[in-house]
């Protein structure tokens, strides 16, 4: 067998394994505005399984609808109580430390490791119920 044929077989095998391992991808269009002028316009997630442990990778887009800069310190997803005991990640808070200019956007990514040995994919669809956003504001004393 030539090296080219072996490489092709390996690549095809890896692609097949990757497609089998991925359980789900979902992109939710949202339009939620906070009191502070932040808007969440989308939440998407990808779920990949590895022997009963799944990685729930998510992405949140934040838009600044306020007339001034907003400094995002952290975001933390609130986990659905019905499967909270299946979370294997020790920390779910994502440190952002980014400034969003007026009408600017940032995308924040995070991941949560879940024990999926005794739960179904549909149970995981509503894993994140809310997102806590920690901001910082500097007040000028002029």
C-alpha atoms as a PDB file:
ATOM      1  CA  UNK A   1       0.000   0.000   0.000  1.00  0.00           C
ATOM      2  CA  UNK A   2       1.392   3.401  -0.927  1.00  0.00           C
ATOM      3  CA  UNK A   3       1.848   6.207   1.578  1.00  0.00           C
ATOM      4  CA  UNK A   4      -0.789   8.254  -0.251  1.00  0.00           C
ATOM      5  CA  UNK A   5      -3.377   5.450   0.024  1.00  0.00           C
ATOM      6  CA  UNK A   6      -2.598   4.920   3.706  1.00  0.00           C
ATOM      7  CA  UNK A   7      -2.937   8.651   4.387  1.00  0.00           C
ATOM      8  CA  UNK A   8      -6.282   8.744   2.552  1.00  0.00           C
ATOM      9  CA  UNK A   9      -7.606   5.794   4.573  1.00  0.00           C
ATOM     10  CA  UNK A  10      -6.492   7.409   7.834  1.00  0.00           C
ATOM     11  CA  UNK A  11      -8.138  10.730   6.934  1.00  0.00           C
ATOM     12  CA  UNK A  12     -11.402   9.025   5.936  1.00  0.00           C
ATOM     13  CA  UNK A  13     -11.387   6.979   9.147  1.00  0.00           C
ATOM     14  CA  UNK A  14     -10.828  10.099  11.242  1.00  0.00           C
ATOM     15  CA  UNK A  15     -13.650  11.926   9.443  1.00  0.00           C
ATOM     16  CA  UNK A  16     -15.980   8.977  10.017  1.00  0.00           C
ATOM     17  CA  UNK A  17     -15.059   8.813  13.717  1.00  0.00           C
ATOM     18  CA  UNK A  18     -15.550  12.545  14.116  1.00  0.00           C
ATOM     19  CA  UNK A  19     -18.985  12.437  12.491  1.00  0.00           C
ATOM     20  CA  UNK A  20     -20.038   9.531  14.725  1.00  0.00           C
ATOM     21  CA  UNK A  21     -18.785  11.268  17.878  1.00  0.00           C
ATOM     22  CA  UNK A  22     -20.643  14.511  17.289  1.00  0.00           C
ATOM     23  CA  UNK A  23     -24.070  14.220  18.839  1.00  0.00           C
ATOM     24  CA  UNK A  24     -25.530  17.602  18.081  1.00  0.00           C
ATOM     25  CA  UNK A  25     -25.116  21.180  16.983  1.00  0.00           C
ATOM     26  CA  UNK A  26     -27.704  23.844  17.538  1.00  0.00           C
ATOM     27  CA  UNK A  27     -27.778  27.561  16.832  1.00  0.00           C
ATOM     28  CA  UNK A  28     -30.480  29.517  18.634  1.00  0.00           C
ATOM     29  CA  UNK A  29     -31.397  32.989  17.443  1.00  0.00           C
ATOM     30  CA  UNK A  30     -32.171  35.147  20.433  1.00  0.00           C
ATOM     31  CA  UNK A  31     -32.802  38.818  20.957  1.00  0.00           C
ATOM     32  CA  UNK A  32     -32.531  39.475  24.675  1.00  0.00           C
ATOM     33  CA  UNK A  33     -31.590  42.926  25.907  1.00  0.00           C
ATOM     34  CA  UNK A  34     -30.362  43.663  29.431  1.00  0.00           C
ATOM     35  CA  UNK A  35     -30.915  46.790  31.499  1.00  0.00           C
ATOM     36  CA  UNK A  36     -27.272  47.751  31.001  1.00  0.00           C
ATOM     37  CA  UNK A  37     -27.466  47.877  27.209  1.00  0.00           C
ATOM     38  CA  UNK A  38     -26.148  44.418  26.336  1.00  0.00           C
ATOM     39  CA  UNK A  39     -27.977  42.296  23.819  1.00  0.00           C
ATOM     40  CA  UNK A  40     -27.586  38.553  23.389  1.00  0.00           C
ATOM     41  CA  UNK A  41     -28.331  37.764  19.783  1.00  0.00           C
ATOM     42  CA  UNK A  42     -27.337  34.107  19.534  1.00  0.00           C
ATOM     43  CA  UNK A  43     -26.391  31.043  21.528  1.00  0.00           C
ATOM     44  CA  UNK A  44     -25.021  27.991  19.790  1.00  0.00           C
ATOM     45  CA  UNK A  45     -23.629  24.736  21.081  1.00  0.00           C
ATOM     46  CA  UNK A  46     -21.864  21.641  19.849  1.00  0.00           C
ATOM     47  CA  UNK A  47     -21.947  18.378  21.756  1.00  0.00           C
ATOM     48  CA  UNK A  48     -19.227  15.768  21.232  1.00  0.00           C
ATOM     49  CA  UNK A  49     -19.207  12.423  23.041  1.00  0.00           C
ATOM     50  CA  UNK A  50     -16.197  10.455  24.248  1.00  0.00           C
ATOM     51  CA  UNK A  51     -17.116   7.259  26.134  1.00  0.00           C
ATOM     52  CA  UNK A  52     -19.903   8.710  28.273  1.00  0.00           C
ATOM     53  CA  UNK A  53     -18.203  12.074  28.817  1.00  0.00           C
ATOM     54  CA  UNK A  54     -19.442  14.826  26.544  1.00  0.00           C
ATOM     55  CA  UNK A  55     -18.016  18.247  25.865  1.00  0.00           C
ATOM     56  CA  UNK A  56     -20.733  20.871  25.538  1.00  0.00           C
ATOM     57  CA  UNK A  57     -19.024  23.729  23.684  1.00  0.00           C
ATOM     58  CA  UNK A  58     -21.094  26.900  23.498  1.00  0.00           C
ATOM     59  CA  UNK A  59     -20.791  30.338  21.990  1.00  0.00           C
ATOM     60  CA  UNK A  60     -22.620  33.526  22.984  1.00  0.00           C
ATOM     61  CA  UNK A  61     -22.639  36.736  20.964  1.00  0.00           C
ATOM     62  CA  UNK A  62     -22.962  39.955  22.986  1.00  0.00           C
ATOM     63  CA  UNK A  63     -23.782  43.322  21.397  1.00  0.00           C
ATOM     64  CA  UNK A  64     -23.400  46.693  23.130  1.00  0.00           C
ATOM     65  CA  UNK A  65     -26.568  48.715  22.422  1.00  0.00           C
ATOM     66  CA  UNK A  66     -25.556  51.337  24.993  1.00  0.00           C
ATOM     67  CA  UNK A  67     -24.059  54.711  24.064  1.00  0.00           C
ATOM     68  CA  UNK A  68     -20.901  54.044  26.070  1.00  0.00           C
ATOM     69  CA  UNK A  69     -18.273  51.326  26.376  1.00  0.00           C
ATOM     70  CA  UNK A  70     -19.103  48.225  28.435  1.00  0.00           C
ATOM     71  CA  UNK A  71     -16.312  46.172  30.022  1.00  0.00           C
ATOM     72  CA  UNK A  72     -17.228  42.485  30.297  1.00  0.00           C
ATOM     73  CA  UNK A  73     -15.367  40.732  33.123  1.00  0.00           C
ATOM     74  CA  UNK A  74     -16.909  37.260  33.067  1.00  0.00           C
ATOM     75  CA  UNK A  75     -19.857  35.232  31.895  1.00  0.00           C
ATOM     76  CA  UNK A  76     -21.218  32.231  33.734  1.00  0.00           C
ATOM     77  CA  UNK A  77     -23.921  29.929  32.408  1.00  0.00           C
ATOM     78  CA  UNK A  78     -26.679  28.897  34.810  1.00  0.00           C
ATOM     79  CA  UNK A  79     -27.109  25.141  34.520  1.00  0.00           C
ATOM     80  CA  UNK A  80     -30.480  23.387  34.362  1.00  0.00           C
ATOM     81  CA  UNK A  81     -31.163  21.923  37.825  1.00  0.00           C
ATOM     82  CA  UNK A  82     -32.343  18.578  36.429  1.00  0.00           C
ATOM     83  CA  UNK A  83     -28.847  17.667  35.166  1.00  0.00           C
ATOM     84  CA  UNK A  84     -26.640  19.857  37.345  1.00  0.00           C
ATOM     85  CA  UNK A  85     -25.358  16.768  39.185  1.00  0.00           C
ATOM     86  CA  UNK A  86     -23.981  15.419  35.863  1.00  0.00           C
ATOM     87  CA  UNK A  87     -21.575  18.350  35.351  1.00  0.00           C
ATOM     88  CA  UNK A  88     -17.953  17.204  35.595  1.00  0.00           C
ATOM     89  CA  UNK A  89     -16.340  20.619  34.974  1.00  0.00           C
ATOM     90  CA  UNK A  90     -15.017  22.179  38.160  1.00  0.00           C
ATOM     91  CA  UNK A  91     -15.387  25.726  36.801  1.00  0.00           C
ATOM     92  CA  UNK A  92     -17.945  27.035  34.325  1.00  0.00           C
ATOM     93  CA  UNK A  93     -17.147  30.756  34.559  1.00  0.00           C
ATOM     94  CA  UNK A  94     -15.465  32.189  31.458  1.00  0.00           C
ATOM     95  CA  UNK A  95     -13.062  35.083  32.057  1.00  0.00           C
ATOM     96  CA  UNK A  96     -13.587  37.623  29.268  1.00  0.00           C
ATOM     97  CA  UNK A  97     -11.926  40.919  30.317  1.00  0.00           C
ATOM     98  CA  UNK A  98     -12.865  42.708  27.089  1.00  0.00           C
ATOM     99  CA  UNK A  99     -14.268  46.113  26.313  1.00  0.00           C
ATOM    100  CA  UNK A 100     -17.185  46.429  23.887  1.00  0.00           C
ATOM    101  CA  UNK A 101     -17.518  49.771  22.107  1.00  0.00           C
ATOM    102  CA  UNK A 102     -21.012  51.173  21.438  1.00  0.00           C
ATOM    103  CA  UNK A 103     -22.699  49.056  18.734  1.00  0.00           C
ATOM    104  CA  UNK A 104     -19.764  46.627  18.951  1.00  0.00           C
ATOM    105  CA  UNK A 105     -19.974  42.856  19.317  1.00  0.00           C
ATOM    106  CA  UNK A 106     -17.913  40.126  20.913  1.00  0.00           C
ATOM    107  CA  UNK A 107     -18.265  36.382  20.832  1.00  0.00           C
ATOM    108  CA  UNK A 108     -17.571  34.452  24.028  1.00  0.00           C
ATOM    109  CA  UNK A 109     -16.888  30.715  23.939  1.00  0.00           C
ATOM    110  CA  UNK A 110     -16.979  28.225  26.772  1.00  0.00           C
ATOM    111  CA  UNK A 111     -17.214  24.523  27.399  1.00  0.00           C
ATOM    112  CA  UNK A 112     -18.737  22.264  29.995  1.00  0.00           C
ATOM    113  CA  UNK A 113     -17.867  18.583  30.485  1.00  0.00           C
ATOM    114  CA  UNK A 114     -20.909  16.406  31.226  1.00  0.00           C
ATOM    115  CA  UNK A 115     -21.341  12.781  32.304  1.00  0.00           C
ATOM    116  CA  UNK A 116     -23.742  11.582  29.616  1.00  0.00           C
ATOM    117  CA  UNK A 117     -23.664   7.897  30.503  1.00  0.00           C
ATOM    118  CA  UNK A 118     -27.197   7.997  31.969  1.00  0.00           C
ATOM    119  CA  UNK A 119     -28.865  10.886  30.142  1.00  0.00           C
ATOM    120  CA  UNK A 120     -30.186  11.485  26.628  1.00  0.00           C
ATOM    121  CA  UNK A 121     -29.207  14.157  24.101  1.00  0.00           C
ATOM    122  CA  UNK A 122     -32.605  15.855  24.456  1.00  0.00           C
ATOM    123  CA  UNK A 123     -31.926  16.307  28.198  1.00  0.00           C
ATOM    124  CA  UNK A 124     -28.836  18.314  27.323  1.00  0.00           C
ATOM    125  CA  UNK A 125     -30.573  20.645  24.852  1.00  0.00           C
ATOM    126  CA  UNK A 126     -31.729  22.916  27.675  1.00  0.00           C
ATOM    127  CA  UNK A 127     -28.503  22.675  29.683  1.00  0.00           C
ATOM    128  CA  UNK A 128     -27.955  26.453  29.887  1.00  0.00           C
ATOM    129  CA  UNK A 129     -30.991  28.258  31.282  1.00  0.00           C
ATOM    130  CA  UNK A 130     -29.496  31.735  31.810  1.00  0.00           C
ATOM    131  CA  UNK A 131     -26.205  33.548  31.469  1.00  0.00           C
ATOM    132  CA  UNK A 132     -24.798  35.712  34.252  1.00  0.00           C
ATOM    133  CA  UNK A 133     -22.735  38.572  32.837  1.00  0.00           C
ATOM    134  CA  UNK A 134     -20.342  40.426  35.116  1.00  0.00           C
ATOM    135  CA  UNK A 135     -19.499  43.944  33.946  1.00  0.00           C
ATOM    136  CA  UNK A 136     -17.346  46.720  35.329  1.00  0.00           C
ATOM    137  CA  UNK A 137     -18.001  50.437  35.109  1.00  0.00           C
ATOM    138  CA  UNK A 138     -15.611  53.278  35.859  1.00  0.00           C
ATOM    139  CA  UNK A 139     -17.261  56.436  37.172  1.00  0.00           C
ATOM    140  CA  UNK A 140     -15.356  59.655  36.552  1.00  0.00           C
ATOM    141  CA  UNK A 141     -15.152  61.969  39.570  1.00  0.00           C
ATOM    142  CA  UNK A 142     -14.854  65.151  37.533  1.00  0.00           C
END
